[in-house]
C-alpha atoms as a PDB file:
ATOM      1  CA  MET A   1     -25.078  -8.890   4.191  1.00  0.00           C
ATOM      2  CA  LYS A   2     -26.485  -8.264   0.720  1.00  0.00           C
ATOM      3  CA  LYS A   3     -29.150  -5.948   2.184  1.00  0.00           C
ATOM      4  CA  ALA A   4     -26.497  -3.935   4.031  1.00  0.00           C
ATOM      5  CA  ILE A   5     -24.422  -3.578   0.854  1.00  0.00           C
ATOM      6  CA  ASP A   6     -27.498  -2.599  -1.163  1.00  0.00           C
ATOM      7  CA  MET A   7     -28.362  -0.001   1.507  1.00  0.00           C
ATOM      8  CA  LEU A   8     -24.795   1.338   1.366  1.00  0.00           C
ATOM      9  CA  ALA A   9     -25.150   1.760  -2.402  1.00  0.00           C
ATOM     10  CA  LYS A  10     -28.446   3.614  -1.961  1.00  0.00           C
ATOM     11  CA  ILE A  11     -26.868   5.933   0.599  1.00  0.00           C
ATOM     12  CA  GLN A  12     -23.947   6.538  -1.748  1.00  0.00           C
ATOM     13  CA  ILE A  13     -26.318   7.381  -4.604  1.00  0.00           C
ATOM     14  CA  ALA A  14     -28.212   9.764  -2.303  1.00  0.00           C
ATOM     15  CA  VAL A  15     -24.988  11.493  -1.238  1.00  0.00           C
ATOM     16  CA  GLY A  16     -23.900  11.765  -4.869  1.00  0.00           C
ATOM     17  CA  GLY A  17     -27.302  13.183  -5.786  1.00  0.00           C
ATOM     18  CA  LEU A  18     -27.090  15.716  -2.966  1.00  0.00           C
ATOM     19  CA  PHE A  19     -23.696  16.924  -4.164  1.00  0.00           C
ATOM     20  CA  LEU A  20     -24.942  17.044  -7.753  1.00  0.00           C
ATOM     21  CA  ALA A  21     -27.844  19.225  -6.607  1.00  0.00           C
ATOM     22  CA  ILE A  22     -25.404  21.491  -4.731  1.00  0.00           C
ATOM     23  CA  PHE A  23     -23.292  21.688  -7.889  1.00  0.00           C
ATOM     24  CA  LEU A  24     -26.251  22.614 -10.085  1.00  0.00           C
ATOM     25  CA  LEU A  25     -27.621  25.191  -7.636  1.00  0.00           C
ATOM     26  CA  THR A  26     -24.184  26.748  -7.233  1.00  0.00           C
ATOM     27  CA  VAL A  27     -23.669  27.005 -10.984  1.00  0.00           C
ATOM     28  CA  VAL A  28     -27.097  28.589 -11.436  1.00  0.00           C
ATOM     29  CA  TYR A  29     -26.336  31.043  -8.609  1.00  0.00           C
ATOM     30  CA  GLN A  30     -22.956  31.794 -10.200  1.00  0.00           C
ATOM     31  CA  MET A  31     -24.606  32.552 -13.558  1.00  0.00           C
ATOM     32  CA  LEU A  32     -27.217  34.796 -11.949  1.00  0.00           C
ATOM     33  CA  SER A  33     -24.643  36.637  -9.862  1.00  0.00           C
ATOM     34  CA  ARG A  34     -22.514  37.341 -12.926  1.00  0.00           C
ATOM     35  CA  TYR A  35     -25.555  38.568 -14.818  1.00  0.00           C
ATOM     36  CA  LEU A  36     -26.555  40.822 -11.921  1.00  0.00           C
ATOM     37  CA  GLY A  37     -22.990  41.998 -11.283  1.00  0.00           C
ATOM     38  CA  ILE A  38     -22.770  40.482  -7.787  1.00  0.00           C
ATOM     39  CA  ALA A  39     -19.412  39.118  -6.647  1.00  0.00           C
ATOM     40  CA  ALA A  40     -19.765  35.424  -5.714  1.00  0.00           C
ATOM     41  CA  THR A  41     -16.236  34.059  -5.944  1.00  0.00           C
ATOM     42  CA  TRP A  42     -16.984  31.247  -3.504  1.00  0.00           C
ATOM     43  CA  THR A  43     -19.185  29.528  -6.099  1.00  0.00           C
ATOM     44  CA  GLU A  44     -16.152  28.317  -8.051  1.00  0.00           C
ATOM     45  CA  ASP A  45     -14.797  26.280  -5.141  1.00  0.00           C
ATOM     46  CA  VAL A  46     -18.183  24.972  -4.039  1.00  0.00           C
ATOM     47  CA  SER A  47     -19.196  23.909  -7.542  1.00  0.00           C
ATOM     48  CA  MET A  48     -15.846  22.246  -8.255  1.00  0.00           C
ATOM     49  CA  TYR A  49     -15.657  20.250  -5.028  1.00  0.00           C
ATOM     50  CA  SER A  50     -19.326  19.297  -5.041  1.00  0.00           C
ATOM     51  CA  PHE A  51     -18.926  18.015  -8.602  1.00  0.00           C
ATOM     52  CA  ILE A  52     -15.911  15.964  -7.529  1.00  0.00           C
ATOM     53  CA  TRP A  53     -17.917  14.429  -4.675  1.00  0.00           C
ATOM     54  CA  ALA A  54     -20.887  13.731  -6.961  1.00  0.00           C
ATOM     55  CA  THR A  55     -18.603  12.043  -9.493  1.00  0.00           C
ATOM     56  CA  PHE A  56     -16.830   9.774  -7.021  1.00  0.00           C
ATOM     57  CA  MET A  57     -20.003   8.836  -5.151  1.00  0.00           C
ATOM     58  CA  GLY A  58     -21.671   7.998  -8.464  1.00  0.00           C
ATOM     59  CA  ALA A  59     -18.645   6.003  -9.601  1.00  0.00           C
ATOM     60  CA  GLY A  60     -18.742   3.845  -6.484  1.00  0.00           C
ATOM     61  CA  ALA A  61     -22.466   3.248  -6.852  1.00  0.00           C
ATOM     62  CA  MET A  62     -22.008   2.236 -10.492  1.00  0.00           C
ATOM     63  CA  VAL A  63     -19.459  -0.378  -9.427  1.00  0.00           C
ATOM     64  CA  HIS A  64     -22.205  -1.886  -7.258  1.00  0.00           C
ATOM     65  CA  ASP A  65     -24.534  -2.086 -10.257  1.00  0.00           C
ATOM     66  CA  GLN A  66     -21.753  -3.361 -12.559  1.00  0.00           C
ATOM     67  CA  ARG A  67     -22.246  -0.340 -14.794  1.00  0.00           C
ATOM     68  CA  HIS A  68     -18.965   1.436 -14.160  1.00  0.00           C
ATOM     69  CA  PHE A  69     -16.668  -0.575 -16.417  1.00  0.00           C
ATOM     70  CA  ALA A  70     -18.024  -2.763 -19.165  1.00  0.00           C
ATOM     71  CA  PHE A  71     -15.899  -4.727 -21.601  1.00  0.00           C
ATOM     72  CA  THR A  72     -18.747  -6.352 -23.441  1.00  0.00           C
ATOM     73  CA  SER A  73     -17.140  -6.938 -26.822  1.00  0.00           C
ATOM     74  CA  VAL A  74     -15.686 -10.273 -25.701  1.00  0.00           C
ATOM     75  CA  THR A  75     -18.411 -11.387 -23.307  1.00  0.00           C
ATOM     76  CA  ASP A  76     -21.213 -10.658 -25.789  1.00  0.00           C
ATOM     77  CA  MET A  77     -19.728 -13.235 -28.160  1.00  0.00           C
ATOM     78  CA  LEU A  78     -19.621 -15.936 -25.480  1.00  0.00           C
ATOM     79  CA  LYS A  79     -22.582 -18.224 -24.862  1.00  0.00           C
ATOM     80  CA  ASN A  80     -21.017 -20.113 -21.947  1.00  0.00           C
ATOM     81  CA  LYS A  81     -22.012 -18.531 -18.610  1.00  0.00           C
ATOM     82  CA  ARG A  82     -18.961 -19.991 -16.891  1.00  0.00           C
ATOM     83  CA  ALA A  83     -16.606 -18.375 -19.419  1.00  0.00           C
ATOM     84  CA  LYS A  84     -18.429 -15.057 -19.010  1.00  0.00           C
ATOM     85  CA  SER A  85     -18.055 -15.363 -15.239  1.00  0.00           C
ATOM     86  CA  ILE A  86     -14.331 -16.069 -15.540  1.00  0.00           C
ATOM     87  CA  ILE A  87     -13.825 -12.942 -17.663  1.00  0.00           C
ATOM     88  CA  GLN A  88     -15.974 -10.908 -15.257  1.00  0.00           C
ATOM     89  CA  LEU A  89     -13.940 -12.275 -12.336  1.00  0.00           C
ATOM     90  CA  ILE A  90     -10.708 -11.117 -13.980  1.00  0.00           C
ATOM     91  CA  ILE A  91     -12.206  -7.666 -14.573  1.00  0.00           C
ATOM     92  CA  ASP A  92     -13.428  -7.507 -10.957  1.00  0.00           C
ATOM     93  CA  ILE A  93      -9.974  -8.462  -9.651  1.00  0.00           C
ATOM     94  CA  VAL A  94      -8.326  -5.725 -11.738  1.00  0.00           C
ATOM     95  CA  MET A  95     -10.922  -3.251 -10.491  1.00  0.00           C
ATOM     96  CA  ILE A  96     -10.466  -4.240  -6.842  1.00  0.00           C
ATOM     97  CA  ILE A  97      -6.721  -3.666  -7.193  1.00  0.00           C
ATOM     98  CA  PHE A  98      -7.506  -0.204  -8.547  1.00  0.00           C
ATOM     99  CA  ALA A  99      -9.997   0.402  -5.692  1.00  0.00           C
ATOM    100  CA  ILE A 100      -7.410  -0.588  -3.084  1.00  0.00           C
ATOM    101  CA  LEU A 101      -4.916   1.793  -4.675  1.00  0.00           C
ATOM    102  CA  MET A 102      -7.619   4.458  -4.600  1.00  0.00           C
ATOM    103  CA  ILE A 103      -7.951   3.914  -0.846  1.00  0.00           C
ATOM    104  CA  LYS A 104      -4.191   4.068  -0.288  1.00  0.00           C
ATOM    105  CA  TYR A 105      -3.526   7.162  -2.363  1.00  0.00           C
ATOM    106  CA  GLY A 106      -6.853   8.775  -1.448  1.00  0.00           C
ATOM    107  CA  VAL A 107      -5.887   8.643   2.225  1.00  0.00           C
ATOM    108  CA  ALA A 108      -2.472  10.103   1.345  1.00  0.00           C
ATOM    109  CA  VAL A 109      -4.013  12.976  -0.642  1.00  0.00           C
ATOM    110  CA  THR A 110      -6.577  13.649   2.079  1.00  0.00           C
ATOM    111  CA  LYS A 111      -3.847  13.780   4.732  1.00  0.00           C
ATOM    112  CA  GLN A 112      -1.659  15.999   2.559  1.00  0.00           C
ATOM    113  CA  PHE A 113      -4.388  18.541   1.893  1.00  0.00           C
ATOM    114  CA  TRP A 114      -6.095  18.307   5.306  1.00  0.00           C
ATOM    115  CA  ASN A 115      -4.938  21.724   6.523  1.00  0.00           C
ATOM    116  CA  TYR A 116      -4.908  23.505   3.171  1.00  0.00           C
ATOM    117  CA  THR A 117      -7.655  26.086   2.825  1.00  0.00           C
ATOM    118  CA  TRP A 118     -10.007  26.780  -0.037  1.00  0.00           C
ATOM    119  CA  ASN A 119      -8.973  29.673  -2.264  1.00  0.00           C
ATOM    120  CA  ASN A 120     -12.157  31.687  -1.902  1.00  0.00           C
ATOM    121  CA  ILE A 121     -13.358  30.417   1.492  1.00  0.00           C
ATOM    122  CA  PRO A 122     -10.267  30.375   3.740  1.00  0.00           C
ATOM    123  CA  SER A 123     -12.234  29.097   6.743  1.00  0.00           C
ATOM    124  CA  PHE A 124     -12.901  25.794   4.905  1.00  0.00           C
ATOM    125  CA  LYS A 125     -10.242  23.085   4.840  1.00  0.00           C
ATOM    126  CA  ARG A 126      -9.522  21.072   1.697  1.00  0.00           C
ATOM    127  CA  GLY A 127      -8.940  17.772   3.499  1.00  0.00           C
ATOM    128  CA  PRO A 128     -12.609  16.846   3.871  1.00  0.00           C
ATOM    129  CA  THR A 129     -13.208  17.707   0.240  1.00  0.00           C
ATOM    130  CA  TRP A 130     -10.768  14.967  -0.818  1.00  0.00           C
ATOM    131  CA  MET A 131     -12.243  12.314   1.484  1.00  0.00           C
ATOM    132  CA  CYS A 132     -14.409  11.242  -1.438  1.00  0.00           C
ATOM    133  CA  LEU A 133     -11.396   9.377  -2.895  1.00  0.00           C
ATOM    134  CA  PRO A 134     -10.871   6.881  -0.059  1.00  0.00           C
ATOM    135  CA  ILE A 135     -14.633   6.625   0.532  1.00  0.00           C
ATOM    136  CA  CYS A 136     -15.153   5.681  -3.119  1.00  0.00           C
ATOM    137  CA  GLY A 137     -12.275   3.215  -2.880  1.00  0.00           C
ATOM    138  CA  ILE A 138     -13.662   1.598   0.269  1.00  0.00           C
ATOM    139  CA  THR A 139     -17.201   1.265  -1.049  1.00  0.00           C
ATOM    140  CA  SER A 140     -15.964   0.012  -4.427  1.00  0.00           C
ATOM    141  CA  THR A 141     -13.841  -2.611  -2.648  1.00  0.00           C
ATOM    142  CA  ILE A 142     -16.884  -3.762  -0.663  1.00  0.00           C
ATOM    143  CA  TYR A 143     -19.034  -3.972  -3.796  1.00  0.00           C
ATOM    144  CA  LEU A 144     -16.319  -5.745  -5.783  1.00  0.00           C
ATOM    145  CA  ALA A 145     -15.693  -8.267  -2.985  1.00  0.00           C
ATOM    146  CA  GLU A 146     -19.387  -9.160  -3.125  1.00  0.00           C
ATOM    147  CA  LEU A 147     -19.275  -9.423  -6.937  1.00  0.00           C
ATOM    148  CA  ILE A 148     -16.150 -11.595  -6.806  1.00  0.00           C
ATOM    149  CA  VAL A 149     -17.824 -13.987  -4.356  1.00  0.00           C
ATOM    150  CA  GLU A 150     -20.858 -14.221  -6.652  1.00  0.00           C
ATOM    151  CA  GLU A 151     -18.706 -14.871  -9.741  1.00  0.00           C
ATOM    152  CA  ILE A 152     -16.749 -17.581  -7.902  1.00  0.00           C
ATOM    153  CA  LYS A 153     -20.040 -19.254  -6.922  1.00  0.00           C
ATOM    154  CA  ILE A 154     -21.137 -19.259 -10.572  1.00  0.00           C
ATOM    155  CA  ILE A 155     -17.772 -20.671 -11.731  1.00  0.00           C
ATOM    156  CA  VAL A 156     -17.809 -23.405  -9.061  1.00  0.00           C
ATOM    157  CA  LYS A 157     -21.380 -24.390  -9.995  1.00  0.00           C
ATOM    158  CA  GLY A 158     -20.318 -24.650 -13.645  1.00  0.00           C
ATOM    159  CA  GLY A 159     -22.140 -21.595 -14.936  1.00  0.00           C
ATOM    160  CA  GLU A 160     -25.356 -21.970 -12.944  1.00  0.00           C
ATOM    161  CA  ALA A 161     -26.372 -18.932 -10.918  1.00  0.00           C
END
């Protein structure tokens, strides 16, 4: 199961990287087209939505690596691994609640905007562009469930990994 979750995180990082590359290429094209006086109004929509996808895919992947949220001021002072695990468990539970809400409201937003069209590319629908919200929520929930199980194991073993 761990290998499947790790593979999911790698895929999510790759998708985020792809959308970041699309964002960067679109912005460079937009700058060149303005300099050359060529109309490229579509670049605004493409760059905005690709950046949104890159951000949410990266956010989900960072949850997997426990680098998304870090409240280290309290845990850095603690020497007891069990106490650190309890605090991390609380943080993971709060985050999984947020991830579940992201799924719920991400699906609602995606459904709401499904048939809306892009401003500058009317043949494109906005619904798929907002699918990154529930996808990020689903993957974050999977990663957090794994992290919660690991923290519970550490707590039950008395701080031993």
